[in-house]
Amino acid sequence: MRKLVICSLLFTICAFGAGAEWLPNFEDVPMMEKTFVVEEEGFVYSRPDGKIIQATIKSDKVSRRQFQRFYSDALKELGWRRTRDTRNLQTFVRGDDELNIEITEAEPLSAQFTLTPR
């Protein structure tokens, strides 16, 4: 188990670079370059069966297509499995967690990340 954790950590550092930024409050969801977090729109809510975490990111330099491709590829490498992929919504699952990434505006890009227990 320890070797798996070390290998996963090394892969993550190599894949995203040692200076990679992560979405606040999410354990291992990377921030795409040229995006920023809207601090006042995020929250963490603890429940007995797990946490509900929400964050919003925006960008006027990234297209919807680039954004969705980035998260599809990055999350797959981090062990997430995509279960839904539409024009404005991607859903990923890993273990007992479900991650929804909803594009609420295409130009400029605005997207909401919601992590919930399954």
PDB file of N, CA and C in Angstrom:
ATOM      1  N   MET A   1       0.825  -1.187   0.000  1.00  0.00           N
ATOM      2  CA  MET A   1       0.000   0.000   0.000  1.00  0.00           C
ATOM      3  C   MET A   1       0.869   1.250   0.000  1.00  0.00           C
ATOM      4  N   ARG A   2       1.913   1.244   0.800  1.00  0.00           N
ATOM      5  CA  ARG A   2       2.798   2.401   0.876  1.00  0.00           C
ATOM      6  C   ARG A   2       3.465   2.669  -0.471  1.00  0.00           C
ATOM      7  N   LYS A   3       3.857   1.596  -1.175  1.00  0.00           N
ATOM      8  CA  LYS A   3       4.469   1.769  -2.497  1.00  0.00           C
ATOM      9  C   LYS A   3       3.483   2.406  -3.464  1.00  0.00           C
ATOM     10  N   LEU A   4       2.218   2.025  -3.386  1.00  0.00           N
ATOM     11  CA  LEU A   4       1.190   2.600  -4.253  1.00  0.00           C
ATOM     12  C   LEU A   4       1.045   4.096  -4.005  1.00  0.00           C
ATOM     13  N   VAL A   5       1.041   4.499  -2.743  1.00  0.00           N
ATOM     14  CA  VAL A   5       0.916   5.918  -2.404  1.00  0.00           C
ATOM     15  C   VAL A   5       2.126   6.690  -2.912  1.00  0.00           C
ATOM     16  N   ILE A   6       3.312   6.151  -2.726  1.00  0.00           N
ATOM     17  CA  ILE A   6       4.528   6.817  -3.186  1.00  0.00           C
ATOM     18  C   ILE A   6       4.539   6.922  -4.706  1.00  0.00           C
ATOM     19  N   CYS A   7       4.176   5.845  -5.399  1.00  0.00           N
ATOM     20  CA  CYS A   7       4.120   5.877  -6.865  1.00  0.00           C
ATOM     21  C   CYS A   7       3.094   6.890  -7.352  1.00  0.00           C
ATOM     22  N   SER A   8       1.953   6.940  -6.702  1.00  0.00           N
ATOM     23  CA  SER A   8       0.908   7.890  -7.078  1.00  0.00           C
ATOM     24  C   SER A   8       1.394   9.321  -6.892  1.00  0.00           C
ATOM     25  N   LEU A   9       2.055   9.590  -5.784  1.00  0.00           N
ATOM     26  CA  LEU A   9       2.583  10.923  -5.518  1.00  0.00           C
ATOM     27  C   LEU A   9       3.637  11.310  -6.553  1.00  0.00           C
ATOM     28  N   LEU A  10       4.551  10.398  -6.848  1.00  0.00           N
ATOM     29  CA  LEU A  10       5.581  10.684  -7.846  1.00  0.00           C
ATOM     30  C   LEU A  10       4.975  10.936  -9.221  1.00  0.00           C
ATOM     31  N   PHE A  11       3.972  10.150  -9.586  1.00  0.00           N
ATOM     32  CA  PHE A  11       3.308  10.354 -10.870  1.00  0.00           C
ATOM     33  C   PHE A  11       2.659  11.730 -10.924  1.00  0.00           C
ATOM     34  N   THR A  12       1.986  12.093  -9.854  1.00  0.00           N
ATOM     35  CA  THR A  12       1.290  13.378  -9.811  1.00  0.00           C
ATOM     36  C   THR A  12       2.279  14.524  -9.953  1.00  0.00           C
ATOM     37  N   ILE A  13       3.399  14.456  -9.269  1.00  0.00           N
ATOM     38  CA  ILE A  13       4.417  15.497  -9.378  1.00  0.00           C
ATOM     39  C   ILE A  13       4.945  15.580 -10.799  1.00  0.00           C
ATOM     40  N   CYS A  14       5.213  14.436 -11.417  1.00  0.00           N
ATOM     41  CA  CYS A  14       5.719  14.429 -12.796  1.00  0.00           C
ATOM     42  C   CYS A  14       4.661  14.910 -13.779  1.00  0.00           C
ATOM     43  N   ALA A  15       3.437  14.466 -13.609  1.00  0.00           N
ATOM     44  CA  ALA A  15       2.381  14.805 -14.560  1.00  0.00           C
ATOM     45  C   ALA A  15       2.000  16.274 -14.508  1.00  0.00           C
ATOM     46  N   PHE A  16       1.973  16.855 -13.330  1.00  0.00           N
ATOM     47  CA  PHE A  16       1.487  18.225 -13.194  1.00  0.00           C
ATOM     48  C   PHE A  16       2.566  19.209 -12.780  1.00  0.00           C
ATOM     49  N   GLY A  17       3.776  18.724 -12.557  1.00  0.00           N
ATOM     50  CA  GLY A  17       4.858  19.615 -12.177  1.00  0.00           C
ATOM     51  C   GLY A  17       4.856  19.866 -10.678  1.00  0.00           C
ATOM     52  N   ALA A  18       6.029  20.101 -10.150  1.00  0.00           N
ATOM     53  CA  ALA A  18       6.160  20.303  -8.711  1.00  0.00           C
ATOM     54  C   ALA A  18       5.431  21.560  -8.258  1.00  0.00           C
ATOM     55  N   GLY A  19       5.241  22.531  -9.152  1.00  0.00           N
ATOM     56  CA  GLY A  19       4.577  23.767  -8.787  1.00  0.00           C
ATOM     57  C   GLY A  19       3.092  23.763  -9.099  1.00  0.00           C
ATOM     58  N   ALA A  20       2.520  22.613  -9.350  1.00  0.00           N
ATOM     59  CA  ALA A  20       1.102  22.537  -9.719  1.00  0.00           C
ATOM     60  C   ALA A  20       0.231  23.068  -8.594  1.00  0.00           C
ATOM     61  N   GLU A  21      -0.823  23.739  -8.982  1.00  0.00           N
ATOM     62  CA  GLU A  21      -1.798  24.215  -8.005  1.00  0.00           C
ATOM     63  C   GLU A  21      -2.968  23.262  -7.980  1.00  0.00           C
ATOM     64  N   TRP A  22      -3.579  23.158  -6.811  1.00  0.00           N
ATOM     65  CA  TRP A  22      -4.714  22.268  -6.629  1.00  0.00           C
ATOM     66  C   TRP A  22      -5.931  23.087  -6.249  1.00  0.00           C
ATOM     67  N   LEU A  23      -7.073  22.629  -6.640  1.00  0.00           N
ATOM     68  CA  LEU A  23      -8.322  23.304  -6.307  1.00  0.00           C
ATOM     69  C   LEU A  23      -8.473  23.326  -4.787  1.00  0.00           C
ATOM     70  N   PRO A  24      -8.697  24.498  -4.175  1.00  0.00           N
ATOM     71  CA  PRO A  24      -8.794  24.571  -2.715  1.00  0.00           C
ATOM     72  C   PRO A  24      -9.867  23.632  -2.154  1.00  0.00           C
ATOM     73  N   ASN A  25      -9.513  22.963  -1.072  1.00  0.00           N
ATOM     74  CA  ASN A  25     -10.381  22.047  -0.319  1.00  0.00           C
ATOM     75  C   ASN A  25     -10.595  20.694  -1.003  1.00  0.00           C
ATOM     76  N   PHE A  26     -10.178  20.527  -2.237  1.00  0.00           N
ATOM     77  CA  PHE A  26     -10.262  19.249  -2.927  1.00  0.00           C
ATOM     78  C   PHE A  26      -8.902  18.578  -2.767  1.00  0.00           C
ATOM     79  N   GLU A  27      -8.880  17.298  -2.413  1.00  0.00           N
ATOM     80  CA  GLU A  27      -7.613  16.632  -2.126  1.00  0.00           C
ATOM     81  C   GLU A  27      -6.667  16.569  -3.309  1.00  0.00           C
ATOM     82  N   ASP A  28      -7.175  16.217  -4.465  1.00  0.00           N
ATOM     83  CA  ASP A  28      -6.268  16.069  -5.603  1.00  0.00           C
ATOM     84  C   ASP A  28      -6.953  16.372  -6.933  1.00  0.00           C
ATOM     85  N   VAL A  29      -7.583  17.536  -7.005  1.00  0.00           N
ATOM     86  CA  VAL A  29      -8.152  18.014  -8.260  1.00  0.00           C
ATOM     87  C   VAL A  29      -7.301  19.215  -8.668  1.00  0.00           C
ATOM     88  N   PRO A  30      -6.575  19.096  -9.781  1.00  0.00           N
ATOM     89  CA  PRO A  30      -5.662  20.174 -10.166  1.00  0.00           C
ATOM     90  C   PRO A  30      -6.406  21.405 -10.678  1.00  0.00           C
ATOM     91  N   MET A  31      -5.742  22.543 -10.560  1.00  0.00           N
ATOM     92  CA  MET A  31      -6.236  23.785 -11.157  1.00  0.00           C
ATOM     93  C   MET A  31      -5.617  23.887 -12.543  1.00  0.00           C
ATOM     94  N   MET A  32      -6.424  24.151 -13.521  1.00  0.00           N
ATOM     95  CA  MET A  32      -5.917  24.361 -14.868  1.00  0.00           C
ATOM     96  C   MET A  32      -5.234  25.724 -14.920  1.00  0.00           C
ATOM     97  N   GLU A  33      -4.114  25.796 -15.629  1.00  0.00           N
ATOM     98  CA  GLU A  33      -3.448  27.082 -15.813  1.00  0.00           C
ATOM     99  C   GLU A  33      -4.405  28.066 -16.458  1.00  0.00           C
ATOM    100  N   LYS A  34      -4.200  29.324 -16.180  1.00  0.00           N
ATOM    101  CA  LYS A  34      -4.996  30.428 -16.733  1.00  0.00           C
ATOM    102  C   LYS A  34      -6.424  30.453 -16.193  1.00  0.00           C
ATOM    103  N   THR A  35      -6.660  29.794 -15.054  1.00  0.00           N
ATOM    104  CA  THR A  35      -7.966  29.866 -14.384  1.00  0.00           C
ATOM    105  C   THR A  35      -7.744  30.410 -12.982  1.00  0.00           C
ATOM    106  N   PHE A  36      -8.817  30.917 -12.369  1.00  0.00           N
ATOM    107  CA  PHE A  36      -8.719  31.396 -10.998  1.00  0.00           C
ATOM    108  C   PHE A  36      -9.973  31.006 -10.229  1.00  0.00           C
ATOM    109  N   VAL A  37      -9.818  30.884  -8.919  1.00  0.00           N
ATOM    110  CA  VAL A  37     -10.914  30.486  -8.035  1.00  0.00           C
ATOM    111  C   VAL A  37     -11.694  31.721  -7.613  1.00  0.00           C
ATOM    112  N   VAL A  38     -13.011  31.603  -7.612  1.00  0.00           N
ATOM    113  CA  VAL A  38     -13.890  32.642  -7.076  1.00  0.00           C
ATOM    114  C   VAL A  38     -14.141  32.261  -5.615  1.00  0.00           C
ATOM    115  N   GLU A  39     -13.367  32.858  -4.723  1.00  0.00           N
ATOM    116  CA  GLU A  39     -13.351  32.455  -3.306  1.00  0.00           C
ATOM    117  C   GLU A  39     -14.732  32.499  -2.648  1.00  0.00           C
ATOM    118  N   GLU A  40     -15.500  33.539  -2.902  1.00  0.00           N
ATOM    119  CA  GLU A  40     -16.775  33.702  -2.209  1.00  0.00           C
ATOM    120  C   GLU A  40     -17.845  32.723  -2.665  1.00  0.00           C
ATOM    121  N   GLU A  41     -17.593  31.941  -3.705  1.00  0.00           N
ATOM    122  CA  GLU A  41     -18.592  30.992  -4.191  1.00  0.00           C
ATOM    123  C   GLU A  41     -18.321  29.546  -3.781  1.00  0.00           C
ATOM    124  N   GLY A  42     -17.321  29.314  -2.962  1.00  0.00           N
ATOM    125  CA  GLY A  42     -17.000  27.950  -2.546  1.00  0.00           C
ATOM    126  C   GLY A  42     -17.446  27.663  -1.120  1.00  0.00           C
ATOM    127  N   PHE A  43     -17.580  26.371  -0.807  1.00  0.00           N
ATOM    128  CA  PHE A  43     -17.900  25.972   0.563  1.00  0.00           C
ATOM    129  C   PHE A  43     -17.516  24.524   0.792  1.00  0.00           C
ATOM    130  N   VAL A  44     -17.425  24.169   2.069  1.00  0.00           N
ATOM    131  CA  VAL A  44     -17.212  22.788   2.508  1.00  0.00           C
ATOM    132  C   VAL A  44     -18.282  22.512   3.558  1.00  0.00           C
ATOM    133  N   TYR A  45     -19.010  21.413   3.375  1.00  0.00           N
ATOM    134  CA  TYR A  45     -20.066  21.027   4.307  1.00  0.00           C
ATOM    135  C   TYR A  45     -19.801  19.584   4.730  1.00  0.00           C
ATOM    136  N   SER A  46     -19.610  19.374   6.015  1.00  0.00           N
ATOM    137  CA  SER A  46     -19.345  18.021   6.525  1.00  0.00           C
ATOM    138  C   SER A  46     -20.641  17.331   6.903  1.00  0.00           C
ATOM    139  N   ARG A  47     -20.756  16.080   6.460  1.00  0.00           N
ATOM    140  CA  ARG A  47     -21.897  15.230   6.802  1.00  0.00           C
ATOM    141  C   ARG A  47     -21.345  13.947   7.401  1.00  0.00           C
ATOM    142  N   PRO A  48     -22.191  13.163   8.054  1.00  0.00           N
ATOM    143  CA  PRO A  48     -21.709  11.900   8.624  1.00  0.00           C
ATOM    144  C   PRO A  48     -21.119  10.954   7.571  1.00  0.00           C
ATOM    145  N   ASP A  49     -21.633  10.990   6.344  1.00  0.00           N
ATOM    146  CA  ASP A  49     -21.150  10.080   5.302  1.00  0.00           C
ATOM    147  C   ASP A  49     -20.065  10.699   4.421  1.00  0.00           C
ATOM    148  N   GLY A  50     -19.594  11.888   4.739  1.00  0.00           N
ATOM    149  CA  GLY A  50     -18.537  12.526   3.962  1.00  0.00           C
ATOM    150  C   GLY A  50     -18.790  14.010   3.793  1.00  0.00           C
ATOM    151  N   LYS A  51     -17.927  14.651   3.035  1.00  0.00           N
ATOM    152  CA  LYS A  51     -18.031  16.091   2.824  1.00  0.00           C
ATOM    153  C   LYS A  51     -18.648  16.406   1.475  1.00  0.00           C
ATOM    154  N   ILE A  52     -19.310  17.545   1.430  1.00  0.00           N
ATOM    155  CA  ILE A  52     -19.739  18.137   0.162  1.00  0.00           C
ATOM    156  C   ILE A  52     -18.862  19.371  -0.011  1.00  0.00           C
ATOM    157  N   ILE A  53     -18.166  19.425  -1.123  1.00  0.00           N
ATOM    158  CA  ILE A  53     -17.253  20.530  -1.383  1.00  0.00           C
ATOM    159  C   ILE A  53     -17.649  21.161  -2.707  1.00  0.00           C
ATOM    160  N   GLN A  54     -17.642  22.497  -2.728  1.00  0.00           N
ATOM    161  CA  GLN A  54     -17.982  23.185  -3.971  1.00  0.00           C
ATOM    162  C   GLN A  54     -16.997  24.331  -4.191  1.00  0.00           C
ATOM    163  N   ALA A  55     -16.625  24.520  -5.441  1.00  0.00           N
ATOM    164  CA  ALA A  55     -15.739  25.616  -5.824  1.00  0.00           C
ATOM    165  C   ALA A  55     -16.104  26.065  -7.227  1.00  0.00           C
ATOM    166  N   THR A  56     -15.881  27.348  -7.484  1.00  0.00           N
ATOM    167  CA  THR A  56     -16.114  27.901  -8.816  1.00  0.00           C
ATOM    168  C   THR A  56     -14.805  28.462  -9.337  1.00  0.00           C
ATOM    169  N   ILE A  57     -14.505  28.157 -10.596  1.00  0.00           N
ATOM    170  CA  ILE A  57     -13.343  28.766 -11.235  1.00  0.00           C
ATOM    171  C   ILE A  57     -13.800  29.473 -12.496  1.00  0.00           C
ATOM    172  N   LYS A  58     -13.009  30.478 -12.877  1.00  0.00           N
ATOM    173  CA  LYS A  58     -13.317  31.269 -14.066  1.00  0.00           C
ATOM    174  C   LYS A  58     -12.050  31.514 -14.864  1.00  0.00           C
ATOM    175  N   SER A  59     -12.263  31.848 -16.143  1.00  0.00           N
ATOM    176  CA  SER A  59     -11.148  32.218 -17.006  1.00  0.00           C
ATOM    177  C   SER A  59     -11.671  32.881 -18.265  1.00  0.00           C
ATOM    178  N   ASP A  60     -10.946  33.887 -18.719  1.00  0.00           N
ATOM    179  CA  ASP A  60     -11.266  34.473 -20.012  1.00  0.00           C
ATOM    180  C   ASP A  60     -10.210  34.085 -21.047  1.00  0.00           C
ATOM    181  N   LYS A  61      -9.361  33.115 -20.677  1.00  0.00           N
ATOM    182  CA  LYS A  61      -8.272  32.684 -21.557  1.00  0.00           C
ATOM    183  C   LYS A  61      -8.355  31.218 -21.948  1.00  0.00           C
ATOM    184  N   VAL A  62      -9.394  30.508 -21.482  1.00  0.00           N
ATOM    185  CA  VAL A  62      -9.531  29.075 -21.729  1.00  0.00           C
ATOM    186  C   VAL A  62     -10.903  28.814 -22.343  1.00  0.00           C
ATOM    187  N   SER A  63     -10.927  28.008 -23.395  1.00  0.00           N
ATOM    188  CA  SER A  63     -12.208  27.663 -24.017  1.00  0.00           C
ATOM    189  C   SER A  63     -12.863  26.494 -23.280  1.00  0.00           C
ATOM    190  N   ARG A  64     -14.152  26.333 -23.490  1.00  0.00           N
ATOM    191  CA  ARG A  64     -14.881  25.213 -22.895  1.00  0.00           C
ATOM    192  C   ARG A  64     -14.244  23.891 -23.303  1.00  0.00           C
ATOM    193  N   ARG A  65     -13.910  23.782 -24.566  1.00  0.00           N
ATOM    194  CA  ARG A  65     -13.330  22.533 -25.079  1.00  0.00           C
ATOM    195  C   ARG A  65     -11.969  22.234 -24.446  1.00  0.00           C
ATOM    196  N   GLN A  66     -11.096  23.242 -24.333  1.00  0.00           N
ATOM    197  CA  GLN A  66      -9.788  23.055 -23.690  1.00  0.00           C
ATOM    198  C   GLN A  66      -9.972  22.639 -22.231  1.00  0.00           C
ATOM    199  N   PHE A  67     -10.894  23.293 -21.566  1.00  0.00           N
ATOM    200  CA  PHE A  67     -11.175  23.029 -20.167  1.00  0.00           C
ATOM    201  C   PHE A  67     -11.627  21.584 -19.965  1.00  0.00           C
ATOM    202  N   GLN A  68     -12.609  21.158 -20.751  1.00  0.00           N
ATOM    203  CA  GLN A  68     -13.118  19.793 -20.600  1.00  0.00           C
ATOM    204  C   GLN A  68     -12.065  18.752 -20.954  1.00  0.00           C
ATOM    205  N   ARG A  69     -11.275  18.998 -21.960  1.00  0.00           N
ATOM    206  CA  ARG A  69     -10.211  18.060 -22.334  1.00  0.00           C
ATOM    207  C   ARG A  69      -9.177  17.951 -21.214  1.00  0.00           C
ATOM    208  N   PHE A  70      -8.788  19.093 -20.649  1.00  0.00           N
ATOM    209  CA  PHE A  70      -7.813  19.083 -19.563  1.00  0.00           C
ATOM    210  C   PHE A  70      -8.302  18.215 -18.401  1.00  0.00           C
ATOM    211  N   TYR A  71      -9.533  18.461 -17.941  1.00  0.00           N
ATOM    212  CA  TYR A  71     -10.029  17.717 -16.787  1.00  0.00           C
ATOM    213  C   TYR A  71     -10.294  16.253 -17.107  1.00  0.00           C
ATOM    214  N   SER A  72     -10.712  15.955 -18.293  1.00  0.00           N
ATOM    215  CA  SER A  72     -10.914  14.565 -18.680  1.00  0.00           C
ATOM    216  C   SER A  72      -9.590  13.797 -18.595  1.00  0.00           C
ATOM    217  N   ASP A  73      -8.532  14.381 -19.139  1.00  0.00           N
ATOM    218  CA  ASP A  73      -7.217  13.730 -19.131  1.00  0.00           C
ATOM    219  C   ASP A  73      -6.592  13.701 -17.737  1.00  0.00           C
ATOM    220  N   ALA A  74      -6.604  14.846 -17.062  1.00  0.00           N
ATOM    221  CA  ALA A  74      -5.944  14.952 -15.752  1.00  0.00           C
ATOM    222  C   ALA A  74      -6.598  14.048 -14.715  1.00  0.00           C
ATOM    223  N   LEU A  75      -7.922  14.053 -14.666  1.00  0.00           N
ATOM    224  CA  LEU A  75      -8.603  13.245 -13.652  1.00  0.00           C
ATOM    225  C   LEU A  75      -8.475  11.754 -13.941  1.00  0.00           C
ATOM    226  N   LYS A  76      -8.440  11.380 -15.200  1.00  0.00           N
ATOM    227  CA  LYS A  76      -8.223   9.961 -15.539  1.00  0.00           C
ATOM    228  C   LYS A  76      -6.878   9.502 -14.972  1.00  0.00           C
ATOM    229  N   GLU A  77      -5.858  10.328 -15.117  1.00  0.00           N
ATOM    230  CA  GLU A  77      -4.526   9.982 -14.610  1.00  0.00           C
ATOM    231  C   GLU A  77      -4.498   9.904 -13.082  1.00  0.00           C
ATOM    232  N   LEU A  78      -5.438  10.562 -12.427  1.00  0.00           N
ATOM    233  CA  LEU A  78      -5.495  10.548 -10.970  1.00  0.00           C
ATOM    234  C   LEU A  78      -6.469   9.509 -10.432  1.00  0.00           C
ATOM    235  N   GLY A  79      -6.943   8.617 -11.313  1.00  0.00           N
ATOM    236  CA  GLY A  79      -7.778   7.500 -10.869  1.00  0.00           C
ATOM    237  C   GLY A  79      -9.275   7.733 -10.930  1.00  0.00           C
ATOM    238  N   TRP A  80      -9.707   8.866 -11.476  1.00  0.00           N
ATOM    239  CA  TRP A  80     -11.136   9.126 -11.617  1.00  0.00           C
ATOM    240  C   TRP A  80     -11.641   8.479 -12.899  1.00  0.00           C
ATOM    241  N   ARG A  81     -12.882   7.988 -12.878  1.00  0.00           N
ATOM    242  CA  ARG A  81     -13.512   7.382 -14.056  1.00  0.00           C
ATOM    243  C   ARG A  81     -14.662   8.281 -14.493  1.00  0.00           C
ATOM    244  N   ARG A  82     -14.635   8.699 -15.750  1.00  0.00           N
ATOM    245  CA  ARG A  82     -15.695   9.573 -16.265  1.00  0.00           C
ATOM    246  C   ARG A  82     -16.945   8.750 -16.519  1.00  0.00           C
ATOM    247  N   THR A  83     -18.080   9.216 -15.999  1.00  0.00           N
ATOM    248  CA  THR A  83     -19.346   8.506 -16.179  1.00  0.00           C
ATOM    249  C   THR A  83     -20.348   9.314 -17.006  1.00  0.00           C
ATOM    250  N   ARG A  84     -20.086  10.597 -17.159  1.00  0.00           N
ATOM    251  CA  ARG A  84     -20.965  11.448 -17.974  1.00  0.00           C
ATOM    252  C   ARG A  84     -20.115  12.538 -18.616  1.00  0.00           C
ATOM    253  N   ASP A  85     -20.408  12.821 -19.887  1.00  0.00           N
ATOM    254  CA  ASP A  85     -19.667  13.856 -20.593  1.00  0.00           C
ATOM    255  C   ASP A  85     -20.606  14.517 -21.597  1.00  0.00           C
ATOM    256  N   THR A  86     -21.157  15.664 -21.232  1.00  0.00           N
ATOM    257  CA  THR A  86     -22.030  16.407 -22.125  1.00  0.00           C
ATOM    258  C   THR A  86     -21.386  17.762 -22.398  1.00  0.00           C
ATOM    259  N   ARG A  87     -22.073  18.579 -23.149  1.00  0.00           N
ATOM    260  CA  ARG A  87     -21.529  19.888 -23.497  1.00  0.00           C
ATOM    261  C   ARG A  87     -21.204  20.732 -22.263  1.00  0.00           C
ATOM    262  N   ASN A  88     -22.007  20.633 -21.228  1.00  0.00           N
ATOM    263  CA  ASN A  88     -21.810  21.485 -20.057  1.00  0.00           C
ATOM    264  C   ASN A  88     -21.582  20.742 -18.747  1.00  0.00           C
ATOM    265  N   LEU A  89     -21.544  19.416 -18.774  1.00  0.00           N
ATOM    266  CA  LEU A  89     -21.387  18.670 -17.525  1.00  0.00           C
ATOM    267  C   LEU A  89     -20.525  17.431 -17.732  1.00  0.00           C
ATOM    268  N   GLN A  90     -19.527  17.298 -16.857  1.00  0.00           N
ATOM    269  CA  GLN A  90     -18.734  16.076 -16.791  1.00  0.00           C
ATOM    270  C   GLN A  90     -18.879  15.532 -15.372  1.00  0.00           C
ATOM    271  N   THR A  91     -19.079  14.225 -15.271  1.00  0.00           N
ATOM    272  CA  THR A  91     -19.168  13.564 -13.973  1.00  0.00           C
ATOM    273  C   THR A  91     -18.095  12.490 -13.906  1.00  0.00           C
ATOM    274  N   PHE A  92     -17.400  12.449 -12.764  1.00  0.00           N
ATOM    275  CA  PHE A  92     -16.340  11.474 -12.532  1.00  0.00           C
ATOM    276  C   PHE A  92     -16.605  10.791 -11.193  1.00  0.00           C
ATOM    277  N   VAL A  93     -16.230   9.529 -11.100  1.00  0.00           N
ATOM    278  CA  VAL A  93     -16.341   8.804  -9.840  1.00  0.00           C
ATOM    279  C   VAL A  93     -15.009   8.159  -9.506  1.00  0.00           C
ATOM    280  N   ARG A  94     -14.757   8.076  -8.208  1.00  0.00           N
ATOM    281  CA  ARG A  94     -13.570   7.377  -7.703  1.00  0.00           C
ATOM    282  C   ARG A  94     -13.885   6.953  -6.285  1.00  0.00           C
ATOM    283  N   GLY A  95     -13.825   5.666  -6.046  1.00  0.00           N
ATOM    284  CA  GLY A  95     -14.149   5.162  -4.716  1.00  0.00           C
ATOM    285  C   GLY A  95     -15.569   5.533  -4.341  1.00  0.00           C
ATOM    286  N   ASP A  96     -15.716   6.183  -3.202  1.00  0.00           N
ATOM    287  CA  ASP A  96     -17.037   6.586  -2.716  1.00  0.00           C
ATOM    288  C   ASP A  96     -17.383   8.027  -3.069  1.00  0.00           C
ATOM    289  N   ASP A  97     -16.608   8.651  -3.958  1.00  0.00           N
ATOM    290  CA  ASP A  97     -16.820  10.056  -4.289  1.00  0.00           C
ATOM    291  C   ASP A  97     -17.301  10.243  -5.718  1.00  0.00           C
ATOM    292  N   GLU A  98     -18.107  11.288  -5.907  1.00  0.00           N
ATOM    293  CA  GLU A  98     -18.552  11.704  -7.241  1.00  0.00           C
ATOM    294  C   GLU A  98     -18.190  13.176  -7.412  1.00  0.00           C
ATOM    295  N   LEU A  99     -17.585  13.498  -8.540  1.00  0.00           N
ATOM    296  CA  LEU A  99     -17.183  14.854  -8.856  1.00  0.00           C
ATOM    297  C   LEU A  99     -17.938  15.316 -10.092  1.00  0.00           C
ATOM    298  N   ASN A 100     -18.702  16.390  -9.946  1.00  0.00           N
ATOM    299  CA  ASN A 100     -19.396  16.991 -11.079  1.00  0.00           C
ATOM    300  C   ASN A 100     -18.705  18.298 -11.426  1.00  0.00           C
ATOM    301  N   ILE A 101     -18.435  18.494 -12.708  1.00  0.00           N
ATOM    302  CA  ILE A 101     -17.862  19.742 -13.191  1.00  0.00           C
ATOM    303  C   ILE A 101     -18.847  20.300 -14.211  1.00  0.00           C
ATOM    304  N   GLU A 102     -19.514  21.377 -13.806  1.00  0.00           N
ATOM    305  CA  GLU A 102     -20.544  21.964 -14.652  1.00  0.00           C
ATOM    306  C   GLU A 102     -20.089  23.320 -15.172  1.00  0.00           C
ATOM    307  N   ILE A 103     -20.131  23.468 -16.473  1.00  0.00           N
ATOM    308  CA  ILE A 103     -19.813  24.756 -17.084  1.00  0.00           C
ATOM    309  C   ILE A 103     -21.088  25.589 -17.043  1.00  0.00           C
ATOM    310  N   THR A 104     -21.040  26.675 -16.280  1.00  0.00           N
ATOM    311  CA  THR A 104     -22.218  27.523 -16.124  1.00  0.00           C
ATOM    312  C   THR A 104     -22.235  28.671 -17.128  1.00  0.00           C
ATOM    313  N   GLU A 105     -21.054  29.027 -17.661  1.00  0.00           N
ATOM    314  CA  GLU A 105     -20.928  30.008 -18.738  1.00  0.00           C
ATOM    315  C   GLU A 105     -19.773  29.581 -19.618  1.00  0.00           C
ATOM    316  N   ALA A 106     -19.960  29.719 -20.935  1.00  0.00           N
ATOM    317  CA  ALA A 106     -18.904  29.315 -21.864  1.00  0.00           C
ATOM    318  C   ALA A 106     -17.924  30.452 -22.144  1.00  0.00           C
ATOM    319  N   GLU A 107     -18.405  31.679 -22.273  1.00  0.00           N
ATOM    320  CA  GLU A 107     -17.521  32.809 -22.572  1.00  0.00           C
ATOM    321  C   GLU A 107     -17.934  34.025 -21.778  1.00  0.00           C
ATOM    322  N   PRO A 108     -17.141  34.510 -20.869  1.00  0.00           N
ATOM    323  CA  PRO A 108     -15.934  33.857 -20.387  1.00  0.00           C
ATOM    324  C   PRO A 108     -16.289  32.599 -19.590  1.00  0.00           C
ATOM    325  N   LEU A 109     -15.367  31.688 -19.543  1.00  0.00           N
ATOM    326  CA  LEU A 109     -15.595  30.395 -18.909  1.00  0.00           C
ATOM    327  C   LEU A 109     -15.854  30.544 -17.417  1.00  0.00           C
ATOM    328  N   SER A 110     -16.885  29.874 -16.949  1.00  0.00           N
ATOM    329  CA  SER A 110     -17.177  29.775 -15.525  1.00  0.00           C
ATOM    330  C   SER A 110     -17.627  28.339 -15.280  1.00  0.00           C
ATOM    331  N   ALA A 111     -17.020  27.678 -14.297  1.00  0.00           N
ATOM    332  CA  ALA A 111     -17.341  26.278 -14.023  1.00  0.00           C
ATOM    333  C   ALA A 111     -17.438  26.036 -12.526  1.00  0.00           C
ATOM    334  N   GLN A 112     -18.370  25.185 -12.171  1.00  0.00           N
ATOM    335  CA  GLN A 112     -18.593  24.837 -10.776  1.00  0.00           C
ATOM    336  C   GLN A 112     -18.202  23.382 -10.554  1.00  0.00           C
ATOM    337  N   PHE A 113     -17.347  23.143  -9.550  1.00  0.00           N
ATOM    338  CA  PHE A 113     -16.915  21.811  -9.152  1.00  0.00           C
ATOM    339  C   PHE A 113     -17.689  21.443  -7.894  1.00  0.00           C
ATOM    340  N   THR A 114     -18.301  20.249  -7.891  1.00  0.00           N
ATOM    341  CA  THR A 114     -19.010  19.778  -6.714  1.00  0.00           C
ATOM    342  C   THR A 114     -18.597  18.343  -6.434  1.00  0.00           C
ATOM    343  N   LEU A 115     -18.050  18.121  -5.256  1.00  0.00           N
ATOM    344  CA  LEU A 115     -17.642  16.786  -4.813  1.00  0.00           C
ATOM    345  C   LEU A 115     -18.624  16.320  -3.753  1.00  0.00           C
ATOM    346  N   THR A 116     -19.216  15.135  -3.948  1.00  0.00           N
ATOM    347  CA  THR A 116     -20.170  14.595  -2.992  1.00  0.00           C
ATOM    348  C   THR A 116     -19.891  13.108  -2.768  1.00  0.00           C
ATOM    349  N   PRO A 117     -20.316  12.582  -1.615  1.00  0.00           N
ATOM    350  CA  PRO A 117     -20.248  11.132  -1.430  1.00  0.00           C
ATOM    351  C   PRO A 117     -21.290  10.468  -2.325  1.00  0.00           C
ATOM    352  N   ARG A 118     -20.980   9.269  -2.827  1.00  0.00           N
ATOM    353  CA  ARG A 118     -21.945   8.550  -3.669  1.00  0.00           C
ATOM    354  C   ARG A 118     -22.921   7.801  -2.824  1.00  0.00           C
TER     355      ARG A 118
END
